[in-house]
PDB file of N, CA and C in Angstrom:
ATOM      1  N   MET A   1       3.279   3.974  -5.906  1.00  0.00           N
ATOM      2  CA  MET A   1       3.289   2.647  -5.386  1.00  0.00           C
ATOM      3  C   MET A   1       2.295   2.534  -4.199  1.00  0.00           C
ATOM      4  N   PRO A   2       1.484   1.489  -4.161  1.00  0.00           N
ATOM      5  CA  PRO A   2       0.596   1.348  -2.989  1.00  0.00           C
ATOM      6  C   PRO A   2       1.300   1.306  -1.662  1.00  0.00           C
ATOM      7  N   LYS A   3       0.579   1.760  -0.628  1.00  0.00           N
ATOM      8  CA  LYS A   3       1.190   1.839   0.685  1.00  0.00           C
ATOM      9  C   LYS A   3       0.326   0.985   1.612  1.00  0.00           C
ATOM     10  N   TYR A   4       1.031   0.253   2.527  1.00  0.00           N
ATOM     11  CA  TYR A   4       0.408  -0.663   3.449  1.00  0.00           C
ATOM     12  C   TYR A   4       0.882  -0.466   4.872  1.00  0.00           C
ATOM     13  N   LEU A   5       0.045  -0.704   5.822  1.00  0.00           N
ATOM     14  CA  LEU A   5       0.364  -0.700   7.222  1.00  0.00           C
ATOM     15  C   LEU A   5       0.334  -2.177   7.635  1.00  0.00           C
ATOM     16  N   VAL A   6       1.497  -2.674   8.069  1.00  0.00           N
ATOM     17  CA  VAL A   6       1.563  -4.078   8.554  1.00  0.00           C
ATOM     18  C   VAL A   6       1.615  -3.987  10.116  1.00  0.00           C
ATOM     19  N   ARG A   7       0.664  -4.599  10.800  1.00  0.00           N
ATOM     20  CA  ARG A   7       0.672  -4.623  12.217  1.00  0.00           C
ATOM     21  C   ARG A   7       1.010  -6.122  12.614  1.00  0.00           C
ATOM     22  N   ALA A   8       1.914  -6.202  13.570  1.00  0.00           N
ATOM     23  CA  ALA A   8       2.359  -7.550  13.920  1.00  0.00           C
ATOM     24  C   ALA A   8       2.465  -7.726  15.449  1.00  0.00           C
ATOM     25  N   THR A   9       2.258  -8.955  15.888  1.00  0.00           N
ATOM     26  CA  THR A   9       2.376  -9.320  17.244  1.00  0.00           C
ATOM     27  C   THR A   9       3.256 -10.542  17.358  1.00  0.00           C
ATOM     28  N   TYR A  10       4.299 -10.521  18.167  1.00  0.00           N
ATOM     29  CA  TYR A  10       5.226 -11.687  18.257  1.00  0.00           C
ATOM     30  C   TYR A  10       4.591 -12.774  19.097  1.00  0.00           C
ATOM     31  N   THR A  11       4.809 -14.011  18.658  1.00  0.00           N
ATOM     32  CA  THR A  11       4.549 -15.207  19.516  1.00  0.00           C
ATOM     33  C   THR A  11       5.672 -15.295  20.529  1.00  0.00           C
ATOM     34  N   ALA A  12       5.563 -16.230  21.438  1.00  0.00           N
ATOM     35  CA  ALA A  12       6.606 -16.404  22.402  1.00  0.00           C
ATOM     36  C   ALA A  12       7.986 -16.660  21.712  1.00  0.00           C
ATOM     37  N   ASP A  13       7.934 -17.435  20.689  1.00  0.00           N
ATOM     38  CA  ASP A  13       9.191 -17.709  19.876  1.00  0.00           C
ATOM     39  C   ASP A  13       9.723 -16.454  19.221  1.00  0.00           C
ATOM     40  N   GLY A  14       8.799 -15.620  18.771  1.00  0.00           N
ATOM     41  CA  GLY A  14       9.240 -14.387  18.126  1.00  0.00           C
ATOM     42  C   GLY A  14       9.899 -13.425  19.127  1.00  0.00           C
ATOM     43  N   VAL A  15       9.334 -13.326  20.324  1.00  0.00           N
ATOM     44  CA  VAL A  15       9.862 -12.505  21.387  1.00  0.00           C
ATOM     45  C   VAL A  15      11.302 -12.941  21.744  1.00  0.00           C
ATOM     46  N   LYS A  16      11.441 -14.324  21.807  1.00  0.00           N
ATOM     47  CA  LYS A  16      12.753 -14.891  22.147  1.00  0.00           C
ATOM     48  C   LYS A  16      13.775 -14.458  21.090  1.00  0.00           C
ATOM     49  N   GLY A  17      13.357 -14.423  19.792  1.00  0.00           N
ATOM     50  CA  GLY A  17      14.205 -13.994  18.751  1.00  0.00           C
ATOM     51  C   GLY A  17      14.617 -12.506  18.812  1.00  0.00           C
ATOM     52  N   VAL A  18      13.631 -11.654  19.180  1.00  0.00           N
ATOM     53  CA  VAL A  18      13.925 -10.231  19.397  1.00  0.00           C
ATOM     54  C   VAL A  18      14.905 -10.055  20.519  1.00  0.00           C
ATOM     55  N   LEU A  19      14.688 -10.765  21.634  1.00  0.00           N
ATOM     56  CA  LEU A  19      15.513 -10.725  22.792  1.00  0.00           C
ATOM     57  C   LEU A  19      17.007 -11.100  22.396  1.00  0.00           C
ATOM     58  N   ARG A  20      17.083 -12.103  21.558  1.00  0.00           N
ATOM     59  CA  ARG A  20      18.381 -12.654  21.195  1.00  0.00           C
ATOM     60  C   ARG A  20      19.122 -11.679  20.171  1.00  0.00           C
ATOM     61  N   GLU A  21      18.374 -11.188  19.192  1.00  0.00           N
ATOM     62  CA  GLU A  21      18.938 -10.414  18.053  1.00  0.00           C
ATOM     63  C   GLU A  21      18.892  -8.888  18.240  1.00  0.00           C
ATOM     64  N   GLY A  22      17.858  -8.514  18.998  1.00  0.00           N
ATOM     65  CA  GLY A  22      17.672  -7.036  19.152  1.00  0.00           C
ATOM     66  C   GLY A  22      16.720  -6.415  18.093  1.00  0.00           C
ATOM     67  N   GLY A  23      16.283  -5.231  18.320  1.00  0.00           N
ATOM     68  CA  GLY A  23      15.316  -4.573  17.477  1.00  0.00           C
ATOM     69  C   GLY A  23      15.838  -4.226  16.092  1.00  0.00           C
ATOM     70  N   THR A  24      17.119  -3.735  16.062  1.00  0.00           N
ATOM     71  CA  THR A  24      17.689  -3.289  14.783  1.00  0.00           C
ATOM     72  C   THR A  24      17.789  -4.429  13.842  1.00  0.00           C
ATOM     73  N   ALA A  25      18.083  -5.617  14.315  1.00  0.00           N
ATOM     74  CA  ALA A  25      18.163  -6.765  13.378  1.00  0.00           C
ATOM     75  C   ALA A  25      16.822  -7.081  12.812  1.00  0.00           C
ATOM     76  N   ARG A  26      15.699  -6.876  13.524  1.00  0.00           N
ATOM     77  CA  ARG A  26      14.390  -7.083  12.951  1.00  0.00           C
ATOM     78  C   ARG A  26      14.118  -6.078  11.839  1.00  0.00           C
ATOM     79  N   VAL A  27      14.420  -4.792  12.101  1.00  0.00           N
ATOM     80  CA  VAL A  27      14.310  -3.780  11.073  1.00  0.00           C
ATOM     81  C   VAL A  27      15.055  -4.181   9.777  1.00  0.00           C
ATOM     82  N   ASP A  28      16.276  -4.568   9.984  1.00  0.00           N
ATOM     83  CA  ASP A  28      17.075  -4.925   8.846  1.00  0.00           C
ATOM     84  C   ASP A  28      16.487  -6.133   8.066  1.00  0.00           C
ATOM     85  N   ALA A  29      15.979  -7.118   8.789  1.00  0.00           N
ATOM     86  CA  ALA A  29      15.339  -8.305   8.188  1.00  0.00           C
ATOM     87  C   ALA A  29      14.115  -7.909   7.368  1.00  0.00           C
ATOM     88  N   VAL A  30      13.331  -7.063   7.975  1.00  0.00           N
ATOM     89  CA  VAL A  30      12.068  -6.604   7.264  1.00  0.00           C
ATOM     90  C   VAL A  30      12.438  -5.730   6.056  1.00  0.00           C
ATOM     91  N   ARG A  31      13.381  -4.820   6.212  1.00  0.00           N
ATOM     92  CA  ARG A  31      13.795  -3.992   5.106  1.00  0.00           C
ATOM     93  C   ARG A  31      14.325  -4.838   3.971  1.00  0.00           C
ATOM     94  N   ASN A  32      15.081  -5.879   4.262  1.00  0.00           N
ATOM     95  CA  ASN A  32      15.666  -6.732   3.185  1.00  0.00           C
ATOM     96  C   ASN A  32      14.546  -7.471   2.468  1.00  0.00           C
ATOM     97  N   MET A  33      13.509  -7.976   3.201  1.00  0.00           N
ATOM     98  CA  MET A  33      12.432  -8.699   2.591  1.00  0.00           C
ATOM     99  C   MET A  33      11.602  -7.704   1.689  1.00  0.00           C
ATOM    100  N   ILE A  34      11.301  -6.510   2.180  1.00  0.00           N
ATOM    101  CA  ILE A  34      10.514  -5.582   1.374  1.00  0.00           C
ATOM    102  C   ILE A  34      11.275  -5.142   0.153  1.00  0.00           C
ATOM    103  N   THR A  35      12.572  -4.862   0.260  1.00  0.00           N
ATOM    104  CA  THR A  35      13.416  -4.454  -0.844  1.00  0.00           C
ATOM    105  C   THR A  35      13.437  -5.522  -1.934  1.00  0.00           C
ATOM    106  N   ARG A  36      13.539  -6.778  -1.518  1.00  0.00           N
ATOM    107  CA  ARG A  36      13.614  -7.897  -2.513  1.00  0.00           C
ATOM    108  C   ARG A  36      12.271  -8.022  -3.248  1.00  0.00           C
ATOM    109  N   LEU A  37      11.209  -7.492  -2.670  1.00  0.00           N
ATOM    110  CA  LEU A  37       9.926  -7.536  -3.375  1.00  0.00           C
ATOM    111  C   LEU A  37       9.685  -6.250  -4.228  1.00  0.00           C
ATOM    112  N   GLY A  38      10.732  -5.365  -4.256  1.00  0.00           N
ATOM    113  CA  GLY A  38      10.606  -4.161  -5.066  1.00  0.00           C
ATOM    114  C   GLY A  38       9.957  -3.045  -4.298  1.00  0.00           C
ATOM    115  N   GLY A  39       9.896  -3.161  -2.981  1.00  0.00           N
ATOM    116  CA  GLY A  39       9.295  -2.104  -2.200  1.00  0.00           C
ATOM    117  C   GLY A  39      10.212  -1.360  -1.337  1.00  0.00           C
ATOM    118  N   GLU A  40       9.699  -0.570  -0.400  1.00  0.00           N
ATOM    119  CA  GLU A  40      10.518   0.286   0.477  1.00  0.00           C
ATOM    120  C   GLU A  40       9.789   0.398   1.885  1.00  0.00           C
ATOM    121  N   VAL A  41      10.583   0.317   2.972  1.00  0.00           N
ATOM    122  CA  VAL A  41      10.047   0.539   4.292  1.00  0.00           C
ATOM    123  C   VAL A  41      10.052   1.997   4.491  1.00  0.00           C
ATOM    124  N   GLU A  42       8.882   2.574   4.817  1.00  0.00           N
ATOM    125  CA  GLU A  42       8.777   4.006   5.158  1.00  0.00           C
ATOM    126  C   GLU A  42       9.084   4.219   6.652  1.00  0.00           C
ATOM    127  N   SER A  43       8.521   3.339   7.462  1.00  0.00           N
ATOM    128  CA  SER A  43       8.739   3.429   8.885  1.00  0.00           C
ATOM    129  C   SER A  43       8.514   2.102   9.581  1.00  0.00           C
ATOM    130  N   PHE A  44       9.207   1.953  10.711  1.00  0.00           N
ATOM    131  CA  PHE A  44       9.128   0.716  11.520  1.00  0.00           C
ATOM    132  C   PHE A  44       9.180   1.135  12.970  1.00  0.00           C
ATOM    133  N   TYR A  45       8.106   0.755  13.696  1.00  0.00           N
ATOM    134  CA  TYR A  45       8.137   1.097  15.104  1.00  0.00           C
ATOM    135  C   TYR A  45       7.685  -0.096  15.976  1.00  0.00           C
ATOM    136  N   PHE A  46       8.392  -0.274  17.076  1.00  0.00           N
ATOM    137  CA  PHE A  46       7.921  -1.195  18.098  1.00  0.00           C
ATOM    138  C   PHE A  46       6.952  -0.397  18.977  1.00  0.00           C
ATOM    139  N   ALA A  47       6.020  -1.149  19.623  1.00  0.00           N
ATOM    140  CA  ALA A  47       4.965  -0.489  20.382  1.00  0.00           C
ATOM    141  C   ALA A  47       4.474  -1.357  21.549  1.00  0.00           C
ATOM    142  N   PHE A  48       3.813  -0.638  22.464  1.00  0.00           N
ATOM    143  CA  PHE A  48       3.075  -1.276  23.537  1.00  0.00           C
ATOM    144  C   PHE A  48       1.662  -1.462  23.076  1.00  0.00           C
ATOM    145  N   GLY A  49       0.915  -2.416  23.597  1.00  0.00           N
ATOM    146  CA  GLY A  49      -0.508  -2.514  23.289  1.00  0.00           C
ATOM    147  C   GLY A  49      -0.876  -3.833  22.521  1.00  0.00           C
ATOM    148  N   ASP A  50      -1.876  -3.716  21.682  1.00  0.00           N
ATOM    149  CA  ASP A  50      -2.370  -4.865  20.988  1.00  0.00           C
ATOM    150  C   ASP A  50      -1.399  -5.470  19.971  1.00  0.00           C
ATOM    151  N   TYR A  51      -0.534  -4.571  19.397  1.00  0.00           N
ATOM    152  CA  TYR A  51       0.484  -4.967  18.433  1.00  0.00           C
ATOM    153  C   TYR A  51       1.817  -4.564  18.920  1.00  0.00           C
ATOM    154  N   ASP A  52       2.842  -5.433  18.572  1.00  0.00           N
ATOM    155  CA  ASP A  52       4.235  -5.181  19.009  1.00  0.00           C
ATOM    156  C   ASP A  52       4.925  -4.345  17.997  1.00  0.00           C
ATOM    157  N   VAL A  53       4.474  -4.327  16.727  1.00  0.00           N
ATOM    158  CA  VAL A  53       5.231  -3.669  15.624  1.00  0.00           C
ATOM    159  C   VAL A  53       4.226  -3.046  14.706  1.00  0.00           C
ATOM    160  N   TYR A  54       4.526  -1.852  14.236  1.00  0.00           N
ATOM    161  CA  TYR A  54       3.748  -1.196  13.156  1.00  0.00           C
ATOM    162  C   TYR A  54       4.802  -0.789  12.093  1.00  0.00           C
ATOM    163  N   VAL A  55       4.554  -1.271  10.874  1.00  0.00           N
ATOM    164  CA  VAL A  55       5.468  -1.009   9.763  1.00  0.00           C
ATOM    165  C   VAL A  55       4.652  -0.424   8.574  1.00  0.00           C
ATOM    166  N   VAL A  56       5.106   0.683   8.030  1.00  0.00           N
ATOM    167  CA  VAL A  56       4.457   1.226   6.854  1.00  0.00           C
ATOM    168  C   VAL A  56       5.397   0.963   5.687  1.00  0.00           C
ATOM    169  N   VAL A  57       4.877   0.368   4.687  1.00  0.00           N
ATOM    170  CA  VAL A  57       5.715  -0.034   3.546  1.00  0.00           C
ATOM    171  C   VAL A  57       5.025   0.383   2.212  1.00  0.00           C
ATOM    172  N   ASP A  58       5.883   0.625   1.209  1.00  0.00           N
ATOM    173  CA  ASP A  58       5.384   0.757  -0.147  1.00  0.00           C
ATOM    174  C   ASP A  58       5.759  -0.551  -0.875  1.00  0.00           C
ATOM    175  N   LEU A  59       4.739  -1.106  -1.536  1.00  0.00           N
ATOM    176  CA  LEU A  59       4.984  -2.310  -2.260  1.00  0.00           C
ATOM    177  C   LEU A  59       4.350  -2.212  -3.658  1.00  0.00           C
ATOM    178  N   PRO A  60       4.836  -2.998  -4.631  1.00  0.00           N
ATOM    179  CA  PRO A  60       4.327  -2.825  -6.007  1.00  0.00           C
ATOM    180  C   PRO A  60       2.858  -3.122  -6.161  1.00  0.00           C
ATOM    181  N   ASP A  61       2.265  -4.097  -5.384  1.00  0.00           N
ATOM    182  CA  ASP A  61       0.906  -4.508  -5.605  1.00  0.00           C
ATOM    183  C   ASP A  61       0.396  -5.301  -4.418  1.00  0.00           C
ATOM    184  N   ASN A  62      -0.915  -5.624  -4.487  1.00  0.00           N
ATOM    185  CA  ASN A  62      -1.506  -6.436  -3.406  1.00  0.00           C
ATOM    186  C   ASN A  62      -0.989  -7.848  -3.324  1.00  0.00           C
ATOM    187  N   VAL A  63      -0.557  -8.425  -4.429  1.00  0.00           N
ATOM    188  CA  VAL A  63       0.058  -9.722  -4.414  1.00  0.00           C
ATOM    189  C   VAL A  63       1.325  -9.732  -3.538  1.00  0.00           C
ATOM    190  N   SER A  64       2.189  -8.699  -3.707  1.00  0.00           N
ATOM    191  CA  SER A  64       3.362  -8.574  -2.881  1.00  0.00           C
ATOM    192  C   SER A  64       3.017  -8.430  -1.402  1.00  0.00           C
ATOM    193  N   ALA A  65       1.957  -7.639  -1.115  1.00  0.00           N
ATOM    194  CA  ALA A  65       1.562  -7.467   0.239  1.00  0.00           C
ATOM    195  C   ALA A  65       1.018  -8.751   0.814  1.00  0.00           C
ATOM    196  N   ALA A  66       0.297  -9.497   0.019  1.00  0.00           N
ATOM    197  CA  ALA A  66      -0.192 -10.799   0.535  1.00  0.00           C
ATOM    198  C   ALA A  66       0.947 -11.778   0.778  1.00  0.00           C
ATOM    199  N   SER A  67       1.898 -11.727  -0.044  1.00  0.00           N
ATOM    200  CA  SER A  67       3.120 -12.590   0.114  1.00  0.00           C
ATOM    201  C   SER A  67       3.847 -12.304   1.386  1.00  0.00           C
ATOM    202  N   VAL A  68       3.965 -11.026   1.745  1.00  0.00           N
ATOM    203  CA  VAL A  68       4.571 -10.580   3.012  1.00  0.00           C
ATOM    204  C   VAL A  68       3.807 -11.163   4.178  1.00  0.00           C
ATOM    205  N   GLY A  69       2.473 -10.919   4.165  1.00  0.00           N
ATOM    206  CA  GLY A  69       1.674 -11.443   5.254  1.00  0.00           C
ATOM    207  C   GLY A  69       1.703 -12.923   5.419  1.00  0.00           C
ATOM    208  N   LEU A  70       1.603 -13.655   4.316  1.00  0.00           N
ATOM    209  CA  LEU A  70       1.682 -15.100   4.335  1.00  0.00           C
ATOM    210  C   LEU A  70       3.057 -15.633   4.891  1.00  0.00           C
ATOM    211  N   THR A  71       4.084 -15.015   4.349  1.00  0.00           N
ATOM    212  CA  THR A  71       5.430 -15.455   4.779  1.00  0.00           C
ATOM    213  C   THR A  71       5.700 -15.179   6.265  1.00  0.00           C
ATOM    214  N   ILE A  72       5.375 -13.961   6.756  1.00  0.00           N
ATOM    215  CA  ILE A  72       5.712 -13.734   8.155  1.00  0.00           C
ATOM    216  C   ILE A  72       4.823 -14.460   9.132  1.00  0.00           C
ATOM    217  N   THR A  73       3.546 -14.601   8.786  1.00  0.00           N
ATOM    218  CA  THR A  73       2.647 -15.352   9.625  1.00  0.00           C
ATOM    219  C   THR A  73       2.988 -16.826   9.561  1.00  0.00           C
ATOM    220  N   GLY A  74       3.335 -17.333   8.398  1.00  0.00           N
ATOM    221  CA  GLY A  74       3.685 -18.693   8.192  1.00  0.00           C
ATOM    222  C   GLY A  74       4.930 -19.086   9.003  1.00  0.00           C
ATOM    223  N   SER A  75       5.736 -18.135   9.411  1.00  0.00           N
ATOM    224  CA  SER A  75       6.915 -18.503  10.175  1.00  0.00           C
ATOM    225  C   SER A  75       6.611 -19.033  11.553  1.00  0.00           C
ATOM    226  N   GLY A  76       5.388 -18.699  12.040  1.00  0.00           N
ATOM    227  CA  GLY A  76       5.078 -19.099  13.401  1.00  0.00           C
ATOM    228  C   GLY A  76       5.505 -18.221  14.474  1.00  0.00           C
ATOM    229  N   ALA A  77       6.360 -17.252  14.130  1.00  0.00           N
ATOM    230  CA  ALA A  77       6.917 -16.317  15.160  1.00  0.00           C
ATOM    231  C   ALA A  77       6.167 -15.017  15.264  1.00  0.00           C
ATOM    232  N   VAL A  78       5.272 -14.828  14.299  1.00  0.00           N
ATOM    233  CA  VAL A  78       4.546 -13.499  14.259  1.00  0.00           C
ATOM    234  C   VAL A  78       3.101 -13.791  13.792  1.00  0.00           C
ATOM    235  N   ARG A  79       2.242 -13.020  14.323  1.00  0.00           N
ATOM    236  CA  ARG A  79       0.854 -12.905  13.822  1.00  0.00           C
ATOM    237  C   ARG A  79       0.725 -11.487  13.272  1.00  0.00           C
ATOM    238  N   SER A  80       0.175 -11.386  12.040  1.00  0.00           N
ATOM    239  CA  SER A  80       0.058 -10.001  11.471  1.00  0.00           C
ATOM    240  C   SER A  80      -1.231  -9.816  10.700  1.00  0.00           C
ATOM    241  N   ASP A  81      -1.513  -8.555  10.420  1.00  0.00           N
ATOM    242  CA  ASP A  81      -2.482  -8.197   9.504  1.00  0.00           C
ATOM    243  C   ASP A  81      -2.010  -7.010   8.671  1.00  0.00           C
ATOM    244  N   THR A  82      -2.579  -6.807   7.524  1.00  0.00           N
ATOM    245  CA  THR A  82      -2.128  -5.750   6.637  1.00  0.00           C
ATOM    246  C   THR A  82      -3.333  -4.870   6.326  1.00  0.00           C
ATOM    247  N   VAL A  83      -3.096  -3.604   6.348  1.00  0.00           N
ATOM    248  CA  VAL A  83      -4.085  -2.592   6.080  1.00  0.00           C
ATOM    249  C   VAL A  83      -3.669  -1.822   4.809  1.00  0.00           C
ATOM    250  N   VAL A  84      -4.564  -1.704   3.869  1.00  0.00           N
ATOM    251  CA  VAL A  84      -4.240  -0.930   2.692  1.00  0.00           C
ATOM    252  C   VAL A  84      -4.498   0.535   3.040  1.00  0.00           C
ATOM    253  N   LEU A  85      -3.484   1.379   2.804  1.00  0.00           N
ATOM    254  CA  LEU A  85      -3.613   2.805   3.094  1.00  0.00           C
ATOM    255  C   LEU A  85      -3.886   3.603   1.799  1.00  0.00           C
ATOM    256  N   LEU A  86      -4.759   4.573   1.949  1.00  0.00           N
ATOM    257  CA  LEU A  86      -5.117   5.399   0.831  1.00  0.00           C
ATOM    258  C   LEU A  86      -4.678   6.889   1.112  1.00  0.00           C
ATOM    259  N   THR A  87      -4.247   7.538   0.064  1.00  0.00           N
ATOM    260  CA  THR A  87      -3.919   8.978   0.173  1.00  0.00           C
ATOM    261  C   THR A  87      -5.214   9.789   0.193  1.00  0.00           C
ATOM    262  N   PRO A  88      -5.175  11.044   0.616  1.00  0.00           N
ATOM    263  CA  PRO A  88      -6.354  11.851   0.517  1.00  0.00           C
ATOM    264  C   PRO A  88      -6.840  12.054  -0.953  1.00  0.00           C
ATOM    265  N   GLY A  89      -5.871  12.111  -1.852  1.00  0.00           N
ATOM    266  CA  GLY A  89      -6.243  12.186  -3.268  1.00  0.00           C
ATOM    267  C   GLY A  89      -6.987  11.000  -3.771  1.00  0.00           C
ATOM    268  N   GLU A  90      -6.595   9.759  -3.304  1.00  0.00           N
ATOM    269  CA  GLU A  90      -7.295   8.578  -3.667  1.00  0.00           C
ATOM    270  C   GLU A  90      -8.734   8.519  -3.145  1.00  0.00           C
ATOM    271  N   VAL A  91      -8.928   9.070  -1.954  1.00  0.00           N
ATOM    272  CA  VAL A  91     -10.261   9.182  -1.365  1.00  0.00           C
ATOM    273  C   VAL A  91     -11.093  10.102  -2.216  1.00  0.00           C
ATOM    274  N   ASP A  92     -10.477  11.266  -2.610  1.00  0.00           N
ATOM    275  CA  ASP A  92     -11.110  12.213  -3.494  1.00  0.00           C
ATOM    276  C   ASP A  92     -11.640  11.564  -4.793  1.00  0.00           C
ATOM    277  N   GLU A  93     -10.783  10.728  -5.425  1.00  0.00           N
ATOM    278  CA  GLU A  93     -11.130   9.999  -6.577  1.00  0.00           C
ATOM    279  C   GLU A  93     -12.272   9.039  -6.316  1.00  0.00           C
ATOM    280  N   ALA A  94     -12.262   8.416  -5.168  1.00  0.00           N
ATOM    281  CA  ALA A  94     -13.305   7.421  -4.795  1.00  0.00           C
ATOM    282  C   ALA A  94     -14.652   8.110  -4.673  1.00  0.00           C
ATOM    283  N   VAL A  95     -14.658   9.278  -3.946  1.00  0.00           N
ATOM    284  CA  VAL A  95     -15.953   9.873  -3.768  1.00  0.00           C
ATOM    285  C   VAL A  95     -16.511  10.590  -5.103  1.00  0.00           C
ATOM    286  N   ALA A  96     -15.643  10.813  -5.990  1.00  0.00           N
ATOM    287  CA  ALA A  96     -16.031  11.404  -7.250  1.00  0.00           C
ATOM    288  C   ALA A  96     -16.735  10.413  -8.237  1.00  0.00           C
ATOM    289  N   LYS A  97     -16.550   9.092  -8.020  1.00  0.00           N
ATOM    290  CA  LYS A  97     -17.112   8.127  -8.853  1.00  0.00           C
ATOM    291  C   LYS A  97     -18.647   8.132  -8.630  1.00  0.00           C
ATOM    292  N   GLU A  98     -19.345   8.015  -9.758  1.00  0.00           N
ATOM    293  CA  GLU A  98     -20.791   7.983  -9.676  1.00  0.00           C
ATOM    294  C   GLU A  98     -21.310   6.639 -10.175  1.00  0.00           C
ATOM    295  N   PHE A  99     -22.273   6.109  -9.359  1.00  0.00           N
ATOM    296  CA  PHE A  99     -22.884   4.836  -9.692  1.00  0.00           C
ATOM    297  C   PHE A  99     -24.135   4.653  -8.828  1.00  0.00           C
ATOM    298  N   GLU A 100     -24.977   3.746  -9.220  1.00  0.00           N
ATOM    299  CA  GLU A 100     -26.201   3.510  -8.437  1.00  0.00           C
ATOM    300  C   GLU A 100     -25.913   2.322  -7.444  1.00  0.00           C
ATOM    301  N   TYR A 101     -26.601   2.446  -6.316  1.00  0.00           N
ATOM    302  CA  TYR A 101     -26.427   1.438  -5.276  1.00  0.00           C
ATOM    303  C   TYR A 101     -27.795   1.280  -4.600  1.00  0.00           C
ATOM    304  N   ARG A 102     -28.259   0.112  -4.454  1.00  0.00           N
ATOM    305  CA  ARG A 102     -29.470  -0.218  -3.720  1.00  0.00           C
ATOM    306  C   ARG A 102     -29.074  -0.968  -2.471  1.00  0.00           C
ATOM    307  N   PRO A 103     -29.346  -0.283  -1.282  1.00  0.00           N
ATOM    308  CA  PRO A 103     -28.960  -1.035  -0.046  1.00  0.00           C
ATOM    309  C   PRO A 103     -29.880  -2.168   0.220  1.00  0.00           C
ATOM    310  N   PRO A 104     -29.453  -3.151   1.055  1.00  0.00           N
ATOM    311  CA  PRO A 104     -30.308  -4.320   1.353  1.00  0.00           C
ATOM    312  C   PRO A 104     -31.611  -3.857   1.861  1.00  0.00           C
ATOM    313  N   GLY A 105     -32.684  -4.478   1.348  1.00  0.00           N
ATOM    314  CA  GLY A 105     -34.025  -4.154   1.719  1.00  0.00           C
ATOM    315  C   GLY A 105     -34.577  -2.849   1.147  1.00  0.00           C
ATOM    316  N   GLY A 106     -33.767  -2.199   0.326  1.00  0.00           N
ATOM    317  CA  GLY A 106     -34.172  -0.873  -0.219  1.00  0.00           C
ATOM    318  C   GLY A 106     -34.794  -0.959  -1.518  1.00  0.00           C
TER     319      GLY A 106
END
């Protein structure tokens, strides 16, 4: 199953929700959402810095990952982005593919 890194930053309303409900409630809410899409939460961490939350999830496909991003950002309480993660084996497969490429101006 494809793996994704979801990075999220809470808006002021999102922070108010975390202050009211606590961190564990957020983990439960995210786990419930991902499970309903046929996926699994591998890890969930709160953090300092540019992002408030880092979540690694397994999801069935890119459509499911897009649905997660649209839904959580559409709530107005969170800004997020999603990074597709590749295994070392997938990178091996990628570099083994042979094809021709002409760079711009080349």
